[in-house]
Amino acid sequence: MVALPAVDGRQYVYRVYAPEDALPADLFWDAWHCHDESPLPRASDLFDAAVIRRVG
């Protein structure tokens, strides 16, 4: 799960499917591009703004 803060003050959470050895930056960019293609307010593109948690 990757949580991205957006300019509207909300946090949007995305489930990113990736291998266990995926780099945090790869997870961030996968979630960010998913958010960027949606009609939601712009997400921060700062890597240190994301919260990444392994689920399952």
PDB file of N, CA and C in Angstrom:
ATOM      1  N   MET A   1       0.854  -1.164   0.000  1.00  0.00           N
ATOM      2  CA  MET A   1       0.000   0.000   0.000  1.00  0.00           C
ATOM      3  C   MET A   1       0.906   1.234   0.000  1.00  0.00           C
ATOM      4  N   VAL A   2       0.560   2.183  -0.820  1.00  0.00           N
ATOM      5  CA  VAL A   2       1.321   3.428  -0.910  1.00  0.00           C
ATOM      6  C   VAL A   2       0.336   4.577  -0.706  1.00  0.00           C
ATOM      7  N   ALA A   3       0.587   5.402   0.288  1.00  0.00           N
ATOM      8  CA  ALA A   3      -0.255   6.565   0.561  1.00  0.00           C
ATOM      9  C   ALA A   3       0.444   7.814   0.045  1.00  0.00           C
ATOM     10  N   LEU A   4      -0.278   8.595  -0.746  1.00  0.00           N
ATOM     11  CA  LEU A   4       0.274   9.819  -1.319  1.00  0.00           C
ATOM     12  C   LEU A   4      -0.520  11.030  -0.848  1.00  0.00           C
ATOM     13  N   PRO A   5       0.143  12.043  -0.294  1.00  0.00           N
ATOM     14  CA  PRO A   5      -0.559  13.273   0.059  1.00  0.00           C
ATOM     15  C   PRO A   5      -0.822  14.092  -1.201  1.00  0.00           C
ATOM     16  N   ALA A   6      -1.967  14.744  -1.254  1.00  0.00           N
ATOM     17  CA  ALA A   6      -2.324  15.561  -2.419  1.00  0.00           C
ATOM     18  C   ALA A   6      -2.471  17.023  -2.013  1.00  0.00           C
ATOM     19  N   VAL A   7      -2.567  17.880  -3.014  1.00  0.00           N
ATOM     20  CA  VAL A   7      -2.638  19.324  -2.752  1.00  0.00           C
ATOM     21  C   VAL A   7      -3.940  19.730  -2.063  1.00  0.00           C
ATOM     22  N   ASP A   8      -4.961  18.853  -2.073  1.00  0.00           N
ATOM     23  CA  ASP A   8      -6.222  19.173  -1.391  1.00  0.00           C
ATOM     24  C   ASP A   8      -6.169  18.836   0.103  1.00  0.00           C
ATOM     25  N   GLY A   9      -4.996  18.381   0.588  1.00  0.00           N
ATOM     26  CA  GLY A   9      -4.834  18.063   1.999  1.00  0.00           C
ATOM     27  C   GLY A   9      -5.223  16.641   2.356  1.00  0.00           C
ATOM     28  N   ARG A  10      -5.758  15.902   1.408  1.00  0.00           N
ATOM     29  CA  ARG A  10      -6.132  14.508   1.653  1.00  0.00           C
ATOM     30  C   ARG A  10      -4.969  13.586   1.336  1.00  0.00           C
ATOM     31  N   GLN A  11      -5.120  12.348   1.790  1.00  0.00           N
ATOM     32  CA  GLN A  11      -4.126  11.327   1.497  1.00  0.00           C
ATOM     33  C   GLN A  11      -4.836  10.218   0.718  1.00  0.00           C
ATOM     34  N   TYR A  12      -4.275   9.841  -0.413  1.00  0.00           N
ATOM     35  CA  TYR A  12      -4.859   8.804  -1.256  1.00  0.00           C
ATOM     36  C   TYR A  12      -3.988   7.562  -1.178  1.00  0.00           C
ATOM     37  N   VAL A  13      -4.629   6.405  -0.994  1.00  0.00           N
ATOM     38  CA  VAL A  13      -3.911   5.148  -0.791  1.00  0.00           C
ATOM     39  C   VAL A  13      -4.123   4.234  -1.992  1.00  0.00           C
ATOM     40  N   TYR A  14      -3.034   3.654  -2.468  1.00  0.00           N
ATOM     41  CA  TYR A  14      -3.071   2.762  -3.629  1.00  0.00           C
ATOM     42  C   TYR A  14      -2.444   1.430  -3.275  1.00  0.00           C
ATOM     43  N   ARG A  15      -3.078   0.367  -3.757  1.00  0.00           N
ATOM     44  CA  ARG A  15      -2.507  -0.972  -3.612  1.00  0.00           C
ATOM     45  C   ARG A  15      -1.643  -1.205  -4.846  1.00  0.00           C
ATOM     46  N   VAL A  16      -0.369  -1.438  -4.625  1.00  0.00           N
ATOM     47  CA  VAL A  16       0.576  -1.663  -5.717  1.00  0.00           C
ATOM     48  C   VAL A  16       1.042  -3.113  -5.641  1.00  0.00           C
ATOM     49  N   TYR A  17       0.846  -3.843  -6.719  1.00  0.00           N
ATOM     50  CA  TYR A  17       1.294  -5.237  -6.782  1.00  0.00           C
ATOM     51  C   TYR A  17       2.696  -5.265  -7.371  1.00  0.00           C
ATOM     52  N   ALA A  18       3.616  -5.842  -6.606  1.00  0.00           N
ATOM     53  CA  ALA A  18       5.014  -5.871  -7.034  1.00  0.00           C
ATOM     54  C   ALA A  18       5.712  -7.044  -6.357  1.00  0.00           C
ATOM     55  N   PRO A  19       6.833  -7.483  -6.928  1.00  0.00           N
ATOM     56  CA  PRO A  19       7.598  -8.551  -6.272  1.00  0.00           C
ATOM     57  C   PRO A  19       8.177  -8.051  -4.950  1.00  0.00           C
ATOM     58  N   GLU A  20       8.499  -8.997  -4.062  1.00  0.00           N
ATOM     59  CA  GLU A  20       9.022  -8.624  -2.743  1.00  0.00           C
ATOM     60  C   GLU A  20      10.319  -7.837  -2.809  1.00  0.00           C
ATOM     61  N   ASP A  21      11.097  -8.002  -3.868  1.00  0.00           N
ATOM     62  CA  ASP A  21      12.377  -7.295  -3.963  1.00  0.00           C
ATOM     63  C   ASP A  21      12.256  -5.961  -4.706  1.00  0.00           C
ATOM     64  N   ALA A  22      11.043  -5.481  -4.917  1.00  0.00           N
ATOM     65  CA  ALA A  22      10.848  -4.192  -5.594  1.00  0.00           C
ATOM     66  C   ALA A  22      11.407  -3.063  -4.735  1.00  0.00           C
ATOM     67  N   LEU A  23      11.982  -2.090  -5.380  1.00  0.00           N
ATOM     68  CA  LEU A  23      12.533  -0.926  -4.683  1.00  0.00           C
ATOM     69  C   LEU A  23      11.412   0.021  -4.267  1.00  0.00           C
ATOM     70  N   PRO A  24      11.547   0.713  -3.128  1.00  0.00           N
ATOM     71  CA  PRO A  24      10.529   1.674  -2.715  1.00  0.00           C
ATOM     72  C   PRO A  24      10.231   2.721  -3.792  1.00  0.00           C
ATOM     73  N   ALA A  25      11.255   3.151  -4.513  1.00  0.00           N
ATOM     74  CA  ALA A  25      11.030   4.152  -5.569  1.00  0.00           C
ATOM     75  C   ALA A  25      10.125   3.605  -6.669  1.00  0.00           C
ATOM     76  N   ASP A  26      10.266   2.320  -6.997  1.00  0.00           N
ATOM     77  CA  ASP A  26       9.400   1.717  -8.016  1.00  0.00           C
ATOM     78  C   ASP A  26       7.949   1.683  -7.544  1.00  0.00           C
ATOM     79  N   LEU A  27       7.749   1.358  -6.271  1.00  0.00           N
ATOM     80  CA  LEU A  27       6.396   1.338  -5.712  1.00  0.00           C
ATOM     81  C   LEU A  27       5.790   2.738  -5.720  1.00  0.00           C
ATOM     82  N   PHE A  28       6.593   3.717  -5.312  1.00  0.00           N
ATOM     83  CA  PHE A  28       6.127   5.107  -5.298  1.00  0.00           C
ATOM     84  C   PHE A  28       5.690   5.550  -6.687  1.00  0.00           C
ATOM     85  N   TRP A  29       6.535   5.342  -7.698  1.00  0.00           N
ATOM     86  CA  TRP A  29       6.216   5.813  -9.042  1.00  0.00           C
ATOM     87  C   TRP A  29       5.023   5.085  -9.633  1.00  0.00           C
ATOM     88  N   ASP A  30       4.837   3.819  -9.303  1.00  0.00           N
ATOM     89  CA  ASP A  30       3.674   3.083  -9.779  1.00  0.00           C
ATOM     90  C   ASP A  30       2.394   3.703  -9.215  1.00  0.00           C
ATOM     91  N   ALA A  31       2.386   3.983  -7.915  1.00  0.00           N
ATOM     92  CA  ALA A  31       1.222   4.612  -7.293  1.00  0.00           C
ATOM     93  C   ALA A  31       1.024   6.031  -7.810  1.00  0.00           C
ATOM     94  N   TRP A  32       2.108   6.770  -7.947  1.00  0.00           N
ATOM     95  CA  TRP A  32       2.002   8.172  -8.386  1.00  0.00           C
ATOM     96  C   TRP A  32       1.436   8.269  -9.796  1.00  0.00           C
ATOM     97  N   HIS A  33       1.884   7.388 -10.697  1.00  0.00           N
ATOM     98  CA  HIS A  33       1.362   7.420 -12.068  1.00  0.00           C
ATOM     99  C   HIS A  33      -0.102   7.019 -12.103  1.00  0.00           C
ATOM    100  N   CYS A  34      -0.495   6.090 -11.243  1.00  0.00           N
ATOM    101  CA  CYS A  34      -1.910   5.718 -11.151  1.00  0.00           C
ATOM    102  C   CYS A  34      -2.731   6.927 -10.704  1.00  0.00           C
ATOM    103  N   HIS A  35      -2.241   7.650  -9.705  1.00  0.00           N
ATOM    104  CA  HIS A  35      -2.939   8.845  -9.210  1.00  0.00           C
ATOM    105  C   HIS A  35      -2.941   9.943 -10.264  1.00  0.00           C
ATOM    106  N   ASP A  36      -1.823  10.123 -10.929  1.00  0.00           N
ATOM    107  CA  ASP A  36      -1.680  11.192 -11.911  1.00  0.00           C
ATOM    108  C   ASP A  36      -2.651  11.029 -13.077  1.00  0.00           C
ATOM    109  N   GLU A  37      -3.036   9.807 -13.393  1.00  0.00           N
ATOM    110  CA  GLU A  37      -3.951   9.555 -14.501  1.00  0.00           C
ATOM    111  C   GLU A  37      -5.414   9.655 -14.078  1.00  0.00           C
ATOM    112  N   SER A  38      -5.681   9.898 -12.802  1.00  0.00           N
ATOM    113  CA  SER A  38      -7.053   9.993 -12.310  1.00  0.00           C
ATOM    114  C   SER A  38      -7.482  11.462 -12.248  1.00  0.00           C
ATOM    115  N   PRO A  39      -8.768  11.711 -12.033  1.00  0.00           N
ATOM    116  CA  PRO A  39      -9.256  13.096 -11.942  1.00  0.00           C
ATOM    117  C   PRO A  39      -9.034  13.735 -10.576  1.00  0.00           C
ATOM    118  N   LEU A  40      -8.353  13.031  -9.665  1.00  0.00           N
ATOM    119  CA  LEU A  40      -8.139  13.544  -8.310  1.00  0.00           C
ATOM    120  C   LEU A  40      -7.139  14.703  -8.311  1.00  0.00           C
ATOM    121  N   PRO A  41      -7.165  15.553  -7.260  1.00  0.00           N
ATOM    122  CA  PRO A  41      -6.192  16.648  -7.169  1.00  0.00           C
ATOM    123  C   PRO A  41      -4.759  16.122  -7.200  1.00  0.00           C
ATOM    124  N   ARG A  42      -3.876  16.944  -7.689  1.00  0.00           N
ATOM    125  CA  ARG A  42      -2.476  16.547  -7.884  1.00  0.00           C
ATOM    126  C   ARG A  42      -1.834  16.046  -6.597  1.00  0.00           C
ATOM    127  N   ALA A  43      -1.128  14.908  -6.715  1.00  0.00           N
ATOM    128  CA  ALA A  43      -0.387  14.343  -5.581  1.00  0.00           C
ATOM    129  C   ALA A  43       1.010  14.938  -5.559  1.00  0.00           C
ATOM    130  N   SER A  44       1.599  14.944  -4.372  1.00  0.00           N
ATOM    131  CA  SER A  44       2.971  15.401  -4.244  1.00  0.00           C
ATOM    132  C   SER A  44       3.892  14.414  -4.944  1.00  0.00           C
ATOM    133  N   ASP A  45       4.865  14.924  -5.691  1.00  0.00           N
ATOM    134  CA  ASP A  45       5.796  14.024  -6.376  1.00  0.00           C
ATOM    135  C   ASP A  45       7.114  13.894  -5.618  1.00  0.00           C
ATOM    136  N   LEU A  46       7.094  14.205  -4.333  1.00  0.00           N
ATOM    137  CA  LEU A  46       8.270  14.051  -3.500  1.00  0.00           C
ATOM    138  C   LEU A  46       8.290  12.639  -2.923  1.00  0.00           C
ATOM    139  N   PHE A  47       9.352  11.906  -3.177  1.00  0.00           N
ATOM    140  CA  PHE A  47       9.424  10.521  -2.725  1.00  0.00           C
ATOM    141  C   PHE A  47       9.272  10.408  -1.214  1.00  0.00           C
ATOM    142  N   ASP A  48       9.834  11.339  -0.472  1.00  0.00           N
ATOM    143  CA  ASP A  48       9.764  11.229   0.986  1.00  0.00           C
ATOM    144  C   ASP A  48       8.392  11.596   1.537  1.00  0.00           C
ATOM    145  N   ALA A  49       7.454  11.978   0.656  1.00  0.00           N
ATOM    146  CA  ALA A  49       6.112  12.294   1.101  1.00  0.00           C
ATOM    147  C   ALA A  49       5.225  11.046   1.135  1.00  0.00           C
ATOM    148  N   ALA A  50       5.669   9.962   0.537  1.00  0.00           N
ATOM    149  CA  ALA A  50       4.862   8.744   0.476  1.00  0.00           C
ATOM    150  C   ALA A  50       5.082   7.888   1.722  1.00  0.00           C
ATOM    151  N   VAL A  51       4.029   7.163   2.089  1.00  0.00           N
ATOM    152  CA  VAL A  51       4.119   6.160   3.141  1.00  0.00           C
ATOM    153  C   VAL A  51       3.896   4.823   2.454  1.00  0.00           C
ATOM    154  N   ILE A  52       4.866   3.919   2.566  1.00  0.00           N
ATOM    155  CA  ILE A  52       4.785   2.625   1.885  1.00  0.00           C
ATOM    156  C   ILE A  52       4.769   1.524   2.935  1.00  0.00           C
ATOM    157  N   ARG A  53       3.735   0.668   2.868  1.00  0.00           N
ATOM    158  CA  ARG A  53       3.633  -0.444   3.812  1.00  0.00           C
ATOM    159  C   ARG A  53       3.382  -1.724   3.050  1.00  0.00           C
ATOM    160  N   ARG A  54       4.083  -2.768   3.448  1.00  0.00           N
ATOM    161  CA  ARG A  54       3.881  -4.089   2.846  1.00  0.00           C
ATOM    162  C   ARG A  54       2.643  -4.719   3.476  1.00  0.00           C
ATOM    163  N   VAL A  55       1.771  -5.248   2.642  1.00  0.00           N
ATOM    164  CA  VAL A  55       0.540  -5.885   3.106  1.00  0.00           C
ATOM    165  C   VAL A  55       0.566  -7.342   2.685  1.00  0.00           C
ATOM    166  N   GLY A  56       0.199  -8.210   3.599  1.00  0.00           N
ATOM    167  CA  GLY A  56       0.022  -9.610   3.257  1.00  0.00           C
ATOM    168  C   GLY A  56       1.214 -10.384   3.344  1.00  0.00           C
TER     169      GLY A  56
END
